[in-house]
Amino acid sequence: MAFDIPNQTEFVQAWVALPRRRRSHLRRLVRLGMPVADPGDARIAVAYARFQQSRIWARLFWVWFVPGLILAMGVAMQIHPVMVGVVLALAAQAVFAHRNLGRVERVNAARLGGA
């Protein structure tokens, strides 16, 4: 898994140039692991995913996630059984979002000119 940080200035300029609604849409597509229709937006989505992967919280995901999940489950069991389900659902969302950050380049390969 590559954690190359994209060219900071190009990425920031392209990201800021997008309307707020489009940025939110791209963030959502990246988290869901869905392909992006426009080739330009696909490049920005891949750069966004690489940028997120390069951040310390993403690199150390399993280091903070597992103890946090154990702590959250302990608290949830003390509150109400339904809260255990809520914690598990949020944990599953976090794991899938983490996994999908790594999948963005492969999912958008056709739009990026790859095979």
PDB file of N, CA and C in Angstrom:
ATOM      1  N   MET A   1       0.842  -1.171   0.000  1.00  0.00           N
ATOM      2  CA  MET A   1       0.000   0.000   0.000  1.00  0.00           C
ATOM      3  C   MET A   1       0.892   1.240   0.000  1.00  0.00           C
ATOM      4  N   ALA A   2       0.752   2.091  -0.967  1.00  0.00           N
ATOM      5  CA  ALA A   2       1.580   3.282  -1.068  1.00  0.00           C
ATOM      6  C   ALA A   2       0.948   4.434  -0.297  1.00  0.00           C
ATOM      7  N   PHE A   3       1.784   5.174   0.398  1.00  0.00           N
ATOM      8  CA  PHE A   3       1.309   6.327   1.147  1.00  0.00           C
ATOM      9  C   PHE A   3       1.943   7.605   0.599  1.00  0.00           C
ATOM     10  N   ASP A   4       2.082   7.674  -0.719  1.00  0.00           N
ATOM     11  CA  ASP A   4       2.695   8.851  -1.328  1.00  0.00           C
ATOM     12  C   ASP A   4       1.820  10.067  -1.080  1.00  0.00           C
ATOM     13  N   ILE A   5       2.461  11.106  -0.601  1.00  0.00           N
ATOM     14  CA  ILE A   5       1.733  12.355  -0.415  1.00  0.00           C
ATOM     15  C   ILE A   5       1.673  13.045  -1.768  1.00  0.00           C
ATOM     16  N   PRO A   6       0.472  13.438  -2.219  1.00  0.00           N
ATOM     17  CA  PRO A   6       0.376  14.080  -3.526  1.00  0.00           C
ATOM     18  C   PRO A   6       1.066  15.434  -3.503  1.00  0.00           C
ATOM     19  N   ASN A   7       1.349  15.950  -4.702  1.00  0.00           N
ATOM     20  CA  ASN A   7       1.930  17.272  -4.805  1.00  0.00           C
ATOM     21  C   ASN A   7       0.997  18.241  -4.096  1.00  0.00           C
ATOM     22  N   GLN A   8       1.467  18.755  -2.991  1.00  0.00           N
ATOM     23  CA  GLN A   8       0.619  19.525  -2.089  1.00  0.00           C
ATOM     24  C   GLN A   8      -0.032  20.722  -2.760  1.00  0.00           C
ATOM     25  N   THR A   9       0.722  21.509  -3.493  1.00  0.00           N
ATOM     26  CA  THR A   9       0.162  22.732  -4.066  1.00  0.00           C
ATOM     27  C   THR A   9      -0.862  22.427  -5.155  1.00  0.00           C
ATOM     28  N   GLU A  10      -0.568  21.467  -6.023  1.00  0.00           N
ATOM     29  CA  GLU A  10      -1.528  21.119  -7.077  1.00  0.00           C
ATOM     30  C   GLU A  10      -2.815  20.570  -6.477  1.00  0.00           C
ATOM     31  N   PHE A  11      -2.671  19.672  -5.489  1.00  0.00           N
ATOM     32  CA  PHE A  11      -3.850  19.088  -4.862  1.00  0.00           C
ATOM     33  C   PHE A  11      -4.696  20.155  -4.174  1.00  0.00           C
ATOM     34  N   VAL A  12      -4.057  21.010  -3.399  1.00  0.00           N
ATOM     35  CA  VAL A  12      -4.796  22.040  -2.664  1.00  0.00           C
ATOM     36  C   VAL A  12      -5.496  22.992  -3.627  1.00  0.00           C
ATOM     37  N   GLN A  13      -4.820  23.400  -4.688  1.00  0.00           N
ATOM     38  CA  GLN A  13      -5.442  24.297  -5.668  1.00  0.00           C
ATOM     39  C   GLN A  13      -6.643  23.640  -6.338  1.00  0.00           C
ATOM     40  N   ALA A  14      -6.486  22.391  -6.732  1.00  0.00           N
ATOM     41  CA  ALA A  14      -7.597  21.679  -7.375  1.00  0.00           C
ATOM     42  C   ALA A  14      -8.741  21.464  -6.396  1.00  0.00           C
ATOM     43  N   TRP A  15      -8.407  21.151  -5.152  1.00  0.00           N
ATOM     44  CA  TRP A  15      -9.435  20.879  -4.141  1.00  0.00           C
ATOM     45  C   TRP A  15     -10.213  22.144  -3.794  1.00  0.00           C
ATOM     46  N   VAL A  16      -9.504  23.252  -3.614  1.00  0.00           N
ATOM     47  CA  VAL A  16     -10.154  24.512  -3.249  1.00  0.00           C
ATOM     48  C   VAL A  16     -10.963  25.060  -4.412  1.00  0.00           C
ATOM     49  N   ALA A  17     -10.547  24.775  -5.635  1.00  0.00           N
ATOM     50  CA  ALA A  17     -11.269  25.271  -6.812  1.00  0.00           C
ATOM     51  C   ALA A  17     -12.644  24.613  -6.968  1.00  0.00           C
ATOM     52  N   LEU A  18     -12.813  23.448  -6.367  1.00  0.00           N
ATOM     53  CA  LEU A  18     -14.107  22.767  -6.465  1.00  0.00           C
ATOM     54  C   LEU A  18     -15.133  23.441  -5.567  1.00  0.00           C
ATOM     55  N   PRO A  19     -16.393  23.452  -6.003  1.00  0.00           N
ATOM     56  CA  PRO A  19     -17.450  23.958  -5.123  1.00  0.00           C
ATOM     57  C   PRO A  19     -17.589  23.061  -3.889  1.00  0.00           C
ATOM     58  N   ARG A  20     -18.068  23.656  -2.817  1.00  0.00           N
ATOM     59  CA  ARG A  20     -18.202  22.930  -1.544  1.00  0.00           C
ATOM     60  C   ARG A  20     -19.022  21.652  -1.696  1.00  0.00           C
ATOM     61  N   ARG A  21     -20.099  21.722  -2.418  1.00  0.00           N
ATOM     62  CA  ARG A  21     -20.973  20.560  -2.607  1.00  0.00           C
ATOM     63  C   ARG A  21     -20.239  19.436  -3.356  1.00  0.00           C
ATOM     64  N   ARG A  22     -19.425  19.807  -4.347  1.00  0.00           N
ATOM     65  CA  ARG A  22     -18.668  18.804  -5.116  1.00  0.00           C
ATOM     66  C   ARG A  22     -17.594  18.153  -4.246  1.00  0.00           C
ATOM     67  N   ARG A  23     -16.929  18.959  -3.397  1.00  0.00           N
ATOM     68  CA  ARG A  23     -15.938  18.396  -2.471  1.00  0.00           C
ATOM     69  C   ARG A  23     -16.594  17.388  -1.531  1.00  0.00           C
ATOM     70  N   SER A  24     -17.758  17.729  -1.015  1.00  0.00           N
ATOM     71  CA  SER A  24     -18.474  16.805  -0.124  1.00  0.00           C
ATOM     72  C   SER A  24     -18.840  15.521  -0.862  1.00  0.00           C
ATOM     73  N   HIS A  25     -19.256  15.672  -2.095  1.00  0.00           N
ATOM     74  CA  HIS A  25     -19.628  14.512  -2.901  1.00  0.00           C
ATOM     75  C   HIS A  25     -18.415  13.605  -3.146  1.00  0.00           C
ATOM     76  N   LEU A  26     -17.275  14.202  -3.492  1.00  0.00           N
ATOM     77  CA  LEU A  26     -16.065  13.418  -3.714  1.00  0.00           C
ATOM     78  C   LEU A  26     -15.600  12.721  -2.438  1.00  0.00           C
ATOM     79  N   ARG A  27     -15.654  13.432  -1.308  1.00  0.00           N
ATOM     80  CA  ARG A  27     -15.287  12.800  -0.027  1.00  0.00           C
ATOM     81  C   ARG A  27     -16.175  11.595   0.249  1.00  0.00           C
ATOM     82  N   ARG A  28     -17.460  11.738  -0.011  1.00  0.00           N
ATOM     83  CA  ARG A  28     -18.402  10.650   0.220  1.00  0.00           C
ATOM     84  C   ARG A  28     -18.115   9.467  -0.701  1.00  0.00           C
ATOM     85  N   LEU A  29     -17.844   9.742  -1.978  1.00  0.00           N
ATOM     86  CA  LEU A  29     -17.531   8.664  -2.920  1.00  0.00           C
ATOM     87  C   LEU A  29     -16.255   7.932  -2.514  1.00  0.00           C
ATOM     88  N   VAL A  30     -15.250   8.676  -2.049  1.00  0.00           N
ATOM     89  CA  VAL A  30     -14.001   8.048  -1.611  1.00  0.00           C
ATOM     90  C   VAL A  30     -14.260   7.155  -0.401  1.00  0.00           C
ATOM     91  N   ARG A  31     -15.010   7.660   0.581  1.00  0.00           N
ATOM     92  CA  ARG A  31     -15.305   6.852   1.772  1.00  0.00           C
ATOM     93  C   ARG A  31     -16.097   5.606   1.434  1.00  0.00           C
ATOM     94  N   LEU A  32     -16.974   5.696   0.427  1.00  0.00           N
ATOM     95  CA  LEU A  32     -17.793   4.546   0.039  1.00  0.00           C
ATOM     96  C   LEU A  32     -17.079   3.613  -0.929  1.00  0.00           C
ATOM     97  N   GLY A  33     -15.950   4.058  -1.475  1.00  0.00           N
ATOM     98  CA  GLY A  33     -15.208   3.225  -2.414  1.00  0.00           C
ATOM     99  C   GLY A  33     -15.851   3.156  -3.789  1.00  0.00           C
ATOM    100  N   MET A  34     -16.590   4.170  -4.159  1.00  0.00           N
ATOM    101  CA  MET A  34     -17.283   4.203  -5.442  1.00  0.00           C
ATOM    102  C   MET A  34     -16.421   4.899  -6.493  1.00  0.00           C
ATOM    103  N   PRO A  35     -16.556   4.515  -7.775  1.00  0.00           N
ATOM    104  CA  PRO A  35     -15.809   5.199  -8.829  1.00  0.00           C
ATOM    105  C   PRO A  35     -16.366   6.594  -9.088  1.00  0.00           C
ATOM    106  N   VAL A  36     -15.496   7.473  -9.556  1.00  0.00           N
ATOM    107  CA  VAL A  36     -15.878   8.842  -9.889  1.00  0.00           C
ATOM    108  C   VAL A  36     -16.028   8.918 -11.403  1.00  0.00           C
ATOM    109  N   ALA A  37     -17.069   9.573 -11.869  1.00  0.00           N
ATOM    110  CA  ALA A  37     -17.380   9.579 -13.302  1.00  0.00           C
ATOM    111  C   ALA A  37     -16.404  10.414 -14.129  1.00  0.00           C
ATOM    112  N   ASP A  38     -16.032  11.573 -13.662  1.00  0.00           N
ATOM    113  CA  ASP A  38     -15.180  12.493 -14.418  1.00  0.00           C
ATOM    114  C   ASP A  38     -13.703  12.173 -14.190  1.00  0.00           C
ATOM    115  N   PRO A  39     -12.886  12.075 -15.263  1.00  0.00           N
ATOM    116  CA  PRO A  39     -11.455  11.767 -15.085  1.00  0.00           C
ATOM    117  C   PRO A  39     -10.710  12.797 -14.249  1.00  0.00           C
ATOM    118  N   GLY A  40     -11.053  14.070 -14.385  1.00  0.00           N
ATOM    119  CA  GLY A  40     -10.411  15.103 -13.567  1.00  0.00           C
ATOM    120  C   GLY A  40     -10.745  14.933 -12.093  1.00  0.00           C
ATOM    121  N   ASP A  41     -12.010  14.668 -11.827  1.00  0.00           N
ATOM    122  CA  ASP A  41     -12.422  14.433 -10.446  1.00  0.00           C
ATOM    123  C   ASP A  41     -11.828  13.134  -9.904  1.00  0.00           C
ATOM    124  N   ALA A  42     -11.622  12.152 -10.786  1.00  0.00           N
ATOM    125  CA  ALA A  42     -11.017  10.889 -10.335  1.00  0.00           C
ATOM    126  C   ALA A  42      -9.588  11.130  -9.863  1.00  0.00           C
ATOM    127  N   ARG A  43      -8.847  11.986 -10.577  1.00  0.00           N
ATOM    128  CA  ARG A  43      -7.479  12.309 -10.146  1.00  0.00           C
ATOM    129  C   ARG A  43      -7.494  13.022  -8.796  1.00  0.00           C
ATOM    130  N   ILE A  44      -8.438  13.937  -8.629  1.00  0.00           N
ATOM    131  CA  ILE A  44      -8.545  14.661  -7.361  1.00  0.00           C
ATOM    132  C   ILE A  44      -8.938  13.695  -6.245  1.00  0.00           C
ATOM    133  N   ALA A  45      -9.842  12.759  -6.533  1.00  0.00           N
ATOM    134  CA  ALA A  45     -10.263  11.784  -5.519  1.00  0.00           C
ATOM    135  C   ALA A  45      -9.102  10.894  -5.092  1.00  0.00           C
ATOM    136  N   VAL A  46      -8.282  10.479  -6.047  1.00  0.00           N
ATOM    137  CA  VAL A  46      -7.116   9.652  -5.714  1.00  0.00           C
ATOM    138  C   VAL A  46      -6.122  10.458  -4.889  1.00  0.00           C
ATOM    139  N   ALA A  47      -5.909  11.725  -5.270  1.00  0.00           N
ATOM    140  CA  ALA A  47      -4.998  12.572  -4.495  1.00  0.00           C
ATOM    141  C   ALA A  47      -5.539  12.787  -3.083  1.00  0.00           C
ATOM    142  N   TYR A  48      -6.856  12.969  -2.957  1.00  0.00           N
ATOM    143  CA  TYR A  48      -7.476  13.128  -1.639  1.00  0.00           C
ATOM    144  C   TYR A  48      -7.270  11.887  -0.789  1.00  0.00           C
ATOM    145  N   ALA A  49      -7.466  10.709  -1.385  1.00  0.00           N
ATOM    146  CA  ALA A  49      -7.282   9.462  -0.642  1.00  0.00           C
ATOM    147  C   ALA A  49      -5.830   9.288  -0.214  1.00  0.00           C
ATOM    148  N   ARG A  50      -4.891   9.594  -1.102  1.00  0.00           N
ATOM    149  CA  ARG A  50      -3.472   9.500  -0.743  1.00  0.00           C
ATOM    150  C   ARG A  50      -3.124  10.474   0.374  1.00  0.00           C
ATOM    151  N   PHE A  51      -3.683  11.678   0.293  1.00  0.00           N
ATOM    152  CA  PHE A  51      -3.443  12.663   1.337  1.00  0.00           C
ATOM    153  C   PHE A  51      -3.972  12.157   2.678  1.00  0.00           C
ATOM    154  N   GLN A  52      -5.183  11.603   2.679  1.00  0.00           N
ATOM    155  CA  GLN A  52      -5.758  11.084   3.925  1.00  0.00           C
ATOM    156  C   GLN A  52      -4.950   9.911   4.460  1.00  0.00           C
ATOM    157  N   GLN A  53      -4.467   9.048   3.574  1.00  0.00           N
ATOM    158  CA  GLN A  53      -3.668   7.906   4.004  1.00  0.00           C
ATOM    159  C   GLN A  53      -2.335   8.341   4.588  1.00  0.00           C
ATOM    160  N   SER A  54      -1.820   9.473   4.161  1.00  0.00           N
ATOM    161  CA  SER A  54      -0.526   9.929   4.656  1.00  0.00           C
ATOM    162  C   SER A  54      -0.623  10.547   6.048  1.00  0.00           C
ATOM    163  N   ARG A  55      -1.811  10.833   6.511  1.00  0.00           N
ATOM    164  CA  ARG A  55      -1.984  11.457   7.820  1.00  0.00           C
ATOM    165  C   ARG A  55      -1.756  10.428   8.920  1.00  0.00           C
ATOM    166  N   ILE A  56      -1.292  10.905  10.060  1.00  0.00           N
ATOM    167  CA  ILE A  56      -0.874  10.019  11.145  1.00  0.00           C
ATOM    168  C   ILE A  56      -2.038   9.185  11.679  1.00  0.00           C
ATOM    169  N   TRP A  57      -3.231   9.763  11.760  1.00  0.00           N
ATOM    170  CA  TRP A  57      -4.357   8.995  12.297  1.00  0.00           C
ATOM    171  C   TRP A  57      -4.740   7.834  11.392  1.00  0.00           C
ATOM    172  N   ALA A  58      -4.500   7.970  10.077  1.00  0.00           N
ATOM    173  CA  ALA A  58      -4.808   6.875   9.156  1.00  0.00           C
ATOM    174  C   ALA A  58      -3.708   5.833   9.168  1.00  0.00           C
ATOM    175  N   ARG A  59      -2.474   6.271   9.297  1.00  0.00           N
ATOM    176  CA  ARG A  59      -1.361   5.324   9.340  1.00  0.00           C
ATOM    177  C   ARG A  59      -1.406   4.458  10.597  1.00  0.00           C
ATOM    178  N   LEU A  60      -1.852   5.046  11.685  1.00  0.00           N
ATOM    179  CA  LEU A  60      -1.920   4.315  12.957  1.00  0.00           C
ATOM    180  C   LEU A  60      -3.357   3.893  13.280  1.00  0.00           C
ATOM    181  N   PHE A  61      -4.153   3.651  12.255  1.00  0.00           N
ATOM    182  CA  PHE A  61      -5.574   3.345  12.442  1.00  0.00           C
ATOM    183  C   PHE A  61      -5.801   2.212  13.432  1.00  0.00           C
ATOM    184  N   TRP A  62      -5.138   1.081  13.214  1.00  0.00           N
ATOM    185  CA  TRP A  62      -5.391  -0.078  14.072  1.00  0.00           C
ATOM    186  C   TRP A  62      -4.852   0.123  15.480  1.00  0.00           C
ATOM    187  N   VAL A  63      -3.881   0.990  15.653  1.00  0.00           N
ATOM    188  CA  VAL A  63      -3.320   1.252  16.980  1.00  0.00           C
ATOM    189  C   VAL A  63      -4.334   1.964  17.867  1.00  0.00           C
ATOM    190  N   TRP A  64      -5.061   2.931  17.327  1.00  0.00           N
ATOM    191  CA  TRP A  64      -6.043   3.640  18.137  1.00  0.00           C
ATOM    192  C   TRP A  64      -7.435   3.043  18.027  1.00  0.00           C
ATOM    193  N   PHE A  65      -7.732   2.360  16.915  1.00  0.00           N
ATOM    194  CA  PHE A  65      -9.086   1.864  16.696  1.00  0.00           C
ATOM    195  C   PHE A  65      -9.449   0.728  17.661  1.00  0.00           C
ATOM    196  N   VAL A  66      -8.569  -0.256  17.793  1.00  0.00           N
ATOM    197  CA  VAL A  66      -8.883  -1.424  18.627  1.00  0.00           C
ATOM    198  C   VAL A  66      -9.081  -1.036  20.091  1.00  0.00           C
ATOM    199  N   PRO A  67      -8.153  -0.296  20.729  1.00  0.00           N
ATOM    200  CA  PRO A  67      -8.418   0.097  22.122  1.00  0.00           C
ATOM    201  C   PRO A  67      -9.655   0.986  22.253  1.00  0.00           C
ATOM    202  N   GLY A  68      -9.862   1.869  21.273  1.00  0.00           N
ATOM    203  CA  GLY A  68     -11.050   2.726  21.315  1.00  0.00           C
ATOM    204  C   GLY A  68     -12.332   1.928  21.211  1.00  0.00           C
ATOM    205  N   LEU A  69     -12.325   0.902  20.362  1.00  0.00           N
ATOM    206  CA  LEU A  69     -13.505   0.050  20.221  1.00  0.00           C
ATOM    207  C   LEU A  69     -13.775  -0.721  21.509  1.00  0.00           C
ATOM    208  N   ILE A  70     -12.742  -1.245  22.121  1.00  0.00           N
ATOM    209  CA  ILE A  70     -12.911  -1.978  23.387  1.00  0.00           C
ATOM    210  C   ILE A  70     -13.470  -1.054  24.461  1.00  0.00           C
ATOM    211  N   LEU A  71     -12.930   0.140  24.556  1.00  0.00           N
ATOM    212  CA  LEU A  71     -13.423   1.111  25.536  1.00  0.00           C
ATOM    213  C   LEU A  71     -14.873   1.494  25.246  1.00  0.00           C
ATOM    214  N   ALA A  72     -15.184   1.770  23.980  1.00  0.00           N
ATOM    215  CA  ALA A  72     -16.545   2.154  23.606  1.00  0.00           C
ATOM    216  C   ALA A  72     -17.541   1.018  23.860  1.00  0.00           C
ATOM    217  N   MET A  73     -17.120  -0.224  23.619  1.00  0.00           N
ATOM    218  CA  MET A  73     -18.009  -1.359  23.890  1.00  0.00           C
ATOM    219  C   MET A  73     -18.277  -1.489  25.386  1.00  0.00           C
ATOM    220  N   GLY A  74     -17.249  -1.271  26.199  1.00  0.00           N
ATOM    221  CA  GLY A  74     -17.437  -1.330  27.645  1.00  0.00           C
ATOM    222  C   GLY A  74     -18.425  -0.283  28.134  1.00  0.00           C
ATOM    223  N   VAL A  75     -18.303   0.917  27.619  1.00  0.00           N
ATOM    224  CA  VAL A  75     -19.222   1.992  28.001  1.00  0.00           C
ATOM    225  C   VAL A  75     -20.626   1.692  27.479  1.00  0.00           C
ATOM    226  N   ALA A  76     -20.727   1.222  26.240  1.00  0.00           N
ATOM    227  CA  ALA A  76     -22.031   0.939  25.640  1.00  0.00           C
ATOM    228  C   ALA A  76     -22.772  -0.157  26.395  1.00  0.00           C
ATOM    229  N   MET A  77     -22.041  -1.174  26.869  1.00  0.00           N
ATOM    230  CA  MET A  77     -22.694  -2.255  27.625  1.00  0.00           C
ATOM    231  C   MET A  77     -23.260  -1.747  28.950  1.00  0.00           C
ATOM    232  N   GLN A  78     -22.630  -0.730  29.508  1.00  0.00           N
ATOM    233  CA  GLN A  78     -23.127  -0.168  30.763  1.00  0.00           C
ATOM    234  C   GLN A  78     -24.355   0.713  30.551  1.00  0.00           C
ATOM    235  N   ILE A  79     -24.496   1.267  29.363  1.00  0.00           N
ATOM    236  CA  ILE A  79     -25.606   2.187  29.086  1.00  0.00           C
ATOM    237  C   ILE A  79     -26.862   1.423  28.683  1.00  0.00           C
ATOM    238  N   HIS A  80     -26.814   0.694  27.568  1.00  0.00           N
ATOM    239  CA  HIS A  80     -27.999   0.006  27.060  1.00  0.00           C
ATOM    240  C   HIS A  80     -27.563  -0.965  25.959  1.00  0.00           C
ATOM    241  N   PRO A  81     -28.225  -2.104  25.832  1.00  0.00           N
ATOM    242  CA  PRO A  81     -27.853  -3.056  24.790  1.00  0.00           C
ATOM    243  C   PRO A  81     -27.942  -2.488  23.364  1.00  0.00           C
ATOM    244  N   VAL A  82     -28.837  -1.558  23.138  1.00  0.00           N
ATOM    245  CA  VAL A  82     -28.957  -0.957  21.820  1.00  0.00           C
ATOM    246  C   VAL A  82     -27.689  -0.162  21.481  1.00  0.00           C
ATOM    247  N   MET A  83     -27.065   0.409  22.480  1.00  0.00           N
ATOM    248  CA  MET A  83     -25.842   1.178  22.262  1.00  0.00           C
ATOM    249  C   MET A  83     -24.709   0.296  21.757  1.00  0.00           C
ATOM    250  N   VAL A  84     -24.721  -0.979  22.129  1.00  0.00           N
ATOM    251  CA  VAL A  84     -23.695  -1.903  21.623  1.00  0.00           C
ATOM    252  C   VAL A  84     -23.817  -2.001  20.106  1.00  0.00           C
ATOM    253  N   GLY A  85     -25.032  -2.095  19.604  1.00  0.00           N
ATOM    254  CA  GLY A  85     -25.260  -2.131  18.168  1.00  0.00           C
ATOM    255  C   GLY A  85     -24.828  -0.844  17.484  1.00  0.00           C
ATOM    256  N   VAL A  86     -25.079   0.286  18.128  1.00  0.00           N
ATOM    257  CA  VAL A  86     -24.672   1.575  17.571  1.00  0.00           C
ATOM    258  C   VAL A  86     -23.154   1.641  17.469  1.00  0.00           C
ATOM    259  N   VAL A  87     -22.457   1.206  18.522  1.00  0.00           N
ATOM    260  CA  VAL A  87     -20.992   1.223  18.516  1.00  0.00           C
ATOM    261  C   VAL A  87     -20.463   0.290  17.429  1.00  0.00           C
ATOM    262  N   LEU A  88     -21.039  -0.890  17.294  1.00  0.00           N
ATOM    263  CA  LEU A  88     -20.592  -1.821  16.261  1.00  0.00           C
ATOM    264  C   LEU A  88     -20.841  -1.270  14.861  1.00  0.00           C
ATOM    265  N   ALA A  89     -21.970  -0.600  14.661  1.00  0.00           N
ATOM    266  CA  ALA A  89     -22.266  -0.014  13.346  1.00  0.00           C
ATOM    267  C   ALA A  89     -21.270   1.098  13.013  1.00  0.00           C
ATOM    268  N   LEU A  90     -20.958   1.949  13.978  1.00  0.00           N
ATOM    269  CA  LEU A  90     -19.987   3.013  13.747  1.00  0.00           C
ATOM    270  C   LEU A  90     -18.592   2.444  13.510  1.00  0.00           C
ATOM    271  N   ALA A  91     -18.256   1.374  14.216  1.00  0.00           N
ATOM    272  CA  ALA A  91     -16.960   0.729  14.013  1.00  0.00           C
ATOM    273  C   ALA A  91     -16.862   0.143  12.606  1.00  0.00           C
ATOM    274  N   ALA A  92     -17.937  -0.479  12.148  1.00  0.00           N
ATOM    275  CA  ALA A  92     -17.940  -1.045  10.796  1.00  0.00           C
ATOM    276  C   ALA A  92     -17.779   0.053   9.750  1.00  0.00           C
ATOM    277  N   GLN A  93     -18.437   1.193   9.953  1.00  0.00           N
ATOM    278  CA  GLN A  93     -18.289   2.314   9.020  1.00  0.00           C
ATOM    279  C   GLN A  93     -16.846   2.793   8.978  1.00  0.00           C
ATOM    280  N   ALA A  94     -16.204   2.877  10.133  1.00  0.00           N
ATOM    281  CA  ALA A  94     -14.808   3.339  10.185  1.00  0.00           C
ATOM    282  C   ALA A  94     -13.883   2.359   9.466  1.00  0.00           C
ATOM    283  N   VAL A  95     -14.093   1.066   9.662  1.00  0.00           N
ATOM    284  CA  VAL A  95     -13.249   0.063   9.009  1.00  0.00           C
ATOM    285  C   VAL A  95     -13.439   0.101   7.497  1.00  0.00           C
ATOM    286  N   PHE A  96     -14.674   0.200   7.037  1.00  0.00           N
ATOM    287  CA  PHE A  96     -14.919   0.256   5.595  1.00  0.00           C
ATOM    288  C   PHE A  96     -14.356   1.533   4.986  1.00  0.00           C
ATOM    289  N   ALA A  97     -14.474   2.667   5.668  1.00  0.00           N
ATOM    290  CA  ALA A  97     -13.902   3.917   5.155  1.00  0.00           C
ATOM    291  C   ALA A  97     -12.381   3.801   5.070  1.00  0.00           C
ATOM    292  N   HIS A  98     -11.762   3.198   6.071  1.00  0.00           N
ATOM    293  CA  HIS A  98     -10.307   3.004   6.059  1.00  0.00           C
ATOM    294  C   HIS A  98      -9.896   2.099   4.897  1.00  0.00           C
ATOM    295  N   ARG A  99     -10.634   1.035   4.693  1.00  0.00           N
ATOM    296  CA  ARG A  99     -10.345   0.113   3.591  1.00  0.00           C
ATOM    297  C   ARG A  99     -10.520   0.793   2.233  1.00  0.00           C
ATOM    298  N   ASN A 100     -11.558   1.583   2.102  1.00  0.00           N
ATOM    299  CA  ASN A 100     -11.867   2.212   0.820  1.00  0.00           C
ATOM    300  C   ASN A 100     -10.872   3.304   0.442  1.00  0.00           C
ATOM    301  N   LEU A 101     -10.182   3.895   1.405  1.00  0.00           N
ATOM    302  CA  LEU A 101      -9.145   4.864   1.070  1.00  0.00           C
ATOM    303  C   LEU A 101      -8.058   4.207   0.227  1.00  0.00           C
ATOM    304  N   GLY A 102      -7.774   2.962   0.526  1.00  0.00           N
ATOM    305  CA  GLY A 102      -6.768   2.237  -0.233  1.00  0.00           C
ATOM    306  C   GLY A 102      -7.269   1.728  -1.576  1.00  0.00           C
ATOM    307  N   ARG A 103      -8.571   1.634  -1.745  1.00  0.00           N
ATOM    308  CA  ARG A 103      -9.158   1.090  -2.972  1.00  0.00           C
ATOM    309  C   ARG A 103      -9.418   2.146  -4.045  1.00  0.00           C
ATOM    310  N   VAL A 104      -9.338   3.411  -3.697  1.00  0.00           N
ATOM    311  CA  VAL A 104      -9.763   4.475  -4.609  1.00  0.00           C
ATOM    312  C   VAL A 104      -9.013   4.428  -5.933  1.00  0.00           C
ATOM    313  N   GLU A 105      -7.708   4.228  -5.886  1.00  0.00           N
ATOM    314  CA  GLU A 105      -6.928   4.225  -7.119  1.00  0.00           C
ATOM    315  C   GLU A 105      -7.321   3.052  -8.013  1.00  0.00           C
ATOM    316  N   ARG A 106      -7.531   1.891  -7.432  1.00  0.00           N
ATOM    317  CA  ARG A 106      -7.904   0.701  -8.220  1.00  0.00           C
ATOM    318  C   ARG A 106      -9.317   0.860  -8.796  1.00  0.00           C
ATOM    319  N   VAL A 107     -10.231   1.405  -8.026  1.00  0.00           N
ATOM    320  CA  VAL A 107     -11.621   1.581  -8.485  1.00  0.00           C
ATOM    321  C   VAL A 107     -11.700   2.583  -9.625  1.00  0.00           C
ATOM    322  N   ASN A 108     -10.845   3.600  -9.595  1.00  0.00           N
ATOM    323  CA  ASN A 108     -10.877   4.652 -10.613  1.00  0.00           C
ATOM    324  C   ASN A 108      -9.818   4.463 -11.688  1.00  0.00           C
ATOM    325  N   ALA A 109      -9.227   3.284 -11.795  1.00  0.00           N
ATOM    326  CA  ALA A 109      -8.143   3.047 -12.746  1.00  0.00           C
ATOM    327  C   ALA A 109      -8.579   3.305 -14.194  1.00  0.00           C
ATOM    328  N   ALA A 110      -9.789   2.938 -14.556  1.00  0.00           N
ATOM    329  CA  ALA A 110     -10.266   3.126 -15.925  1.00  0.00           C
ATOM    330  C   ALA A 110     -10.350   4.618 -16.266  1.00  0.00           C
ATOM    331  N   ARG A 111     -10.739   5.449 -15.308  1.00  0.00           N
ATOM    332  CA  ARG A 111     -10.853   6.880 -15.549  1.00  0.00           C
ATOM    333  C   ARG A 111      -9.510   7.585 -15.516  1.00  0.00           C
ATOM    334  N   LEU A 112      -8.532   6.949 -14.867  1.00  0.00           N
ATOM    335  CA  LEU A 112      -7.192   7.547 -14.780  1.00  0.00           C
ATOM    336  C   LEU A 112      -6.312   7.150 -15.952  1.00  0.00           C
ATOM    337  N   GLY A 113      -6.829   6.312 -16.836  1.00  0.00           N
ATOM    338  CA  GLY A 113      -6.056   5.888 -17.989  1.00  0.00           C
ATOM    339  C   GLY A 113      -5.302   4.587 -17.757  1.00  0.00           C
ATOM    340  N   GLY A 114      -5.570   3.931 -16.617  1.00  0.00           N
ATOM    341  CA  GLY A 114      -4.925   2.652 -16.337  1.00  0.00           C
ATOM    342  C   GLY A 114      -5.711   1.502 -16.917  1.00  0.00           C
ATOM    343  N   ALA A 115      -5.165   0.312 -16.789  1.00  0.00           N
ATOM    344  CA  ALA A 115      -5.835  -0.883 -17.333  1.00  0.00           C
ATOM    345  C   ALA A 115      -6.855  -1.406 -16.383  1.00  0.00           C
TER     346      ALA A 115
END
